[in-house]
Amino acid sequence: MTTRSAEAVWNGTLREGNGVMKMRSGAYEGPFTFASRFEEGEGTNPEELVAAAHAGCFSMALSGDLGRAGHTPTRISTTAKVHLGPVDGKPTVHTIELFSEAEVPGIDEATFQEIANGTKQNCPISRLLAAADIKLEAKLV
């Protein structure tokens, strides 16, 4: 299997400081701050990057699961919403909502939902984030 890496550097105090997150591949490098994480400030945050990872993983995994079941998807689009909030007084990723739309010729709704729910449970990022409540809304379009 593969190993992926990224790095983050933080400068200063929690509230006034700032940082940069960078993927080793060079595909992304961007700033983050207290405001971009806990408010609506400019920049990214770890939860946004987790959402991107989960959306990408789910879309790819659903394509694979559909294909193994004999249904070739034309397109899969997934949005992930990662909810950060207090749990036992500590900031916690407690809920992740996946919204996925798939174009899959010739599949019936029940089969699609069964496969999509299996993917929700078994894609690598879902397995990593299993401590969160992962919700799925999957639609055939």
Protein backbone atom coordinates (compact mmCIF):
# COMPACT_ATOMS: atom_id res chain seq x y z
CA MET A 1 0.00 0.00 0.00
CA THR A 2 0.93 3.66 -0.18
CA THR A 3 1.90 6.30 2.35
CA ARG A 4 0.88 9.92 1.83
CA SER A 5 2.11 12.94 3.73
CA ALA A 6 1.44 16.60 4.32
CA GLU A 7 2.87 19.15 6.68
CA ALA A 8 1.61 22.09 8.66
CA VAL A 9 3.52 24.91 10.31
CA TRP A 10 1.88 27.14 12.92
CA ASN A 11 3.38 30.46 14.03
CA GLY A 12 2.35 32.28 17.17
CA THR A 13 -0.52 31.95 19.59
CA LEU A 14 -3.73 30.06 18.97
CA ARG A 15 -5.91 33.12 18.32
CA GLU A 16 -3.43 35.56 16.76
CA GLY A 17 -1.15 33.11 15.01
CA ASN A 18 -1.25 31.72 11.51
CA GLY A 19 -0.05 28.73 9.62
CA VAL A 20 0.40 27.02 6.30
CA MET A 21 -0.64 23.51 5.32
CA LYS A 22 1.09 21.87 2.39
CA MET A 23 0.71 18.55 0.61
CA ARG A 24 3.96 16.78 -0.20
CA SER A 25 2.78 16.28 -3.79
CA GLY A 26 2.61 20.04 -4.26
CA ALA A 27 -1.05 19.81 -5.27
CA TYR A 28 -2.07 22.19 -2.48
CA GLU A 29 -0.51 24.75 -0.19
CA GLY A 30 -2.60 27.23 1.75
CA PRO A 31 -2.88 29.39 4.84
CA PHE A 32 -4.99 28.76 7.92
CA THR A 33 -5.82 30.78 11.02
CA PHE A 34 -8.00 30.61 14.09
CA ALA A 35 -10.62 32.59 12.16
CA SER A 36 -10.53 30.22 9.15
CA ARG A 37 -11.04 27.26 11.44
CA PHE A 38 -13.44 28.38 14.13
CA GLU A 39 -15.10 31.39 12.47
CA GLU A 40 -15.64 32.34 8.82
CA GLY A 41 -12.22 33.81 8.12
CA GLU A 42 -10.17 33.54 4.93
CA GLY A 43 -8.06 30.44 4.37
CA THR A 44 -8.62 26.75 4.85
CA ASN A 45 -8.70 24.50 7.89
CA PRO A 46 -8.12 20.84 8.74
CA GLU A 47 -11.84 20.05 8.61
CA GLU A 48 -12.18 21.42 5.06
CA LEU A 49 -9.29 19.22 3.96
CA VAL A 50 -10.91 16.22 5.68
CA ALA A 51 -14.14 17.02 3.80
CA ALA A 52 -12.25 17.06 0.49
CA ALA A 53 -10.57 13.77 1.34
CA HIS A 54 -13.86 12.14 2.31
CA ALA A 55 -15.73 13.40 -0.77
CA GLY A 56 -12.97 12.18 -3.06
CA CYS A 57 -12.63 8.82 -1.34
CA PHE A 58 -16.38 8.20 -1.32
CA SER A 59 -16.79 9.07 -5.01
CA MET A 60 -13.95 6.76 -6.05
CA ALA A 61 -15.04 3.95 -3.75
CA LEU A 62 -18.66 4.16 -4.92
CA SER A 63 -17.46 3.93 -8.52
CA GLY A 64 -15.50 0.80 -7.65
CA ASP A 65 -18.35 -0.78 -5.68
CA LEU A 66 -20.85 -0.06 -8.47
CA GLY A 67 -18.46 -1.48 -11.07
CA ARG A 68 -17.88 -4.68 -9.07
CA ALA A 69 -21.67 -5.08 -8.90
CA GLY A 70 -21.89 -4.80 -12.70
CA HIS A 71 -23.08 -1.17 -12.91
CA THR A 72 -20.77 1.28 -14.66
CA PRO A 73 -21.26 4.84 -13.42
CA THR A 74 -21.04 7.74 -15.83
CA ARG A 75 -20.43 10.37 -13.14
CA ILE A 76 -20.39 10.63 -9.35
CA SER A 77 -20.34 13.98 -7.54
CA THR A 78 -20.01 14.08 -3.75
CA THR A 79 -20.00 16.97 -1.29
CA ALA A 80 -18.91 16.37 2.30
CA LYS A 81 -19.79 18.66 5.19
CA VAL A 82 -17.64 18.19 8.29
CA HIS A 83 -19.20 19.53 11.49
CA LEU A 84 -16.81 20.70 14.21
CA GLY A 85 -18.29 21.52 17.59
CA PRO A 86 -17.92 20.90 21.29
CA VAL A 87 -18.30 17.38 22.65
CA ASP A 88 -17.62 17.07 26.37
CA GLY A 89 -16.25 20.61 26.22
CA LYS A 90 -13.66 19.81 23.54
CA PRO A 91 -13.68 20.75 19.84
CA THR A 92 -14.64 17.56 18.01
CA VAL A 93 -15.55 16.47 14.50
CA HIS A 94 -18.87 14.91 15.47
CA THR A 95 -20.85 14.64 12.23
CA ILE A 96 -20.02 14.28 8.55
CA GLU A 97 -22.73 14.64 5.92
CA LEU A 98 -22.13 13.14 2.50
CA PHE A 99 -24.31 14.32 -0.37
CA SER A 100 -23.72 12.27 -3.48
CA GLU A 101 -25.32 12.29 -6.91
CA ALA A 102 -24.56 9.51 -9.36
CA GLU A 103 -25.38 8.85 -12.98
CA VAL A 104 -25.57 5.08 -13.27
CA PRO A 105 -27.38 3.76 -16.34
CA GLY A 106 -29.59 0.72 -15.79
CA ILE A 107 -29.46 0.49 -11.99
CA ASP A 108 -32.59 0.49 -9.83
CA GLU A 109 -32.96 2.74 -6.79
CA ALA A 110 -32.89 -0.05 -4.18
CA THR A 111 -29.68 -1.56 -5.56
CA PHE A 112 -28.06 1.85 -5.80
CA GLN A 113 -28.93 2.72 -2.20
CA GLU A 114 -27.65 -0.64 -0.93
CA ILE A 115 -24.33 -0.18 -2.71
CA ALA A 116 -24.00 3.48 -1.65
CA ASN A 117 -24.65 2.63 2.01
CA GLY A 118 -22.06 -0.14 1.85
CA THR A 119 -19.57 2.34 0.42
CA LYS A 120 -20.36 4.79 3.22
CA GLN A 121 -19.35 2.14 5.73
CA ASN A 122 -16.31 0.82 3.91
CA CYS A 123 -14.48 3.54 2.01
CA PRO A 124 -11.06 4.07 3.65
CA ILE A 125 -11.78 7.61 4.86
CA SER A 126 -15.17 6.58 6.32
CA ARG A 127 -13.38 3.81 8.19
CA LEU A 128 -10.81 6.31 9.45
CA LEU A 129 -13.53 8.72 10.61
CA ALA A 130 -15.82 6.09 12.12
CA ALA A 131 -15.95 7.92 15.46
CA ALA A 132 -18.06 10.61 13.77
CA ASP A 133 -21.71 10.14 12.84
CA ILE A 134 -21.52 9.74 9.07
CA LYS A 135 -24.77 10.49 7.26
CA LEU A 136 -25.42 9.84 3.58
CA GLU A 137 -27.89 11.28 1.12
CA ALA A 138 -27.36 9.51 -2.20
CA LYS A 139 -29.37 10.31 -5.33
CA LEU A 140 -29.55 8.80 -8.78
CA VAL A 141 -29.69 11.50 -11.42
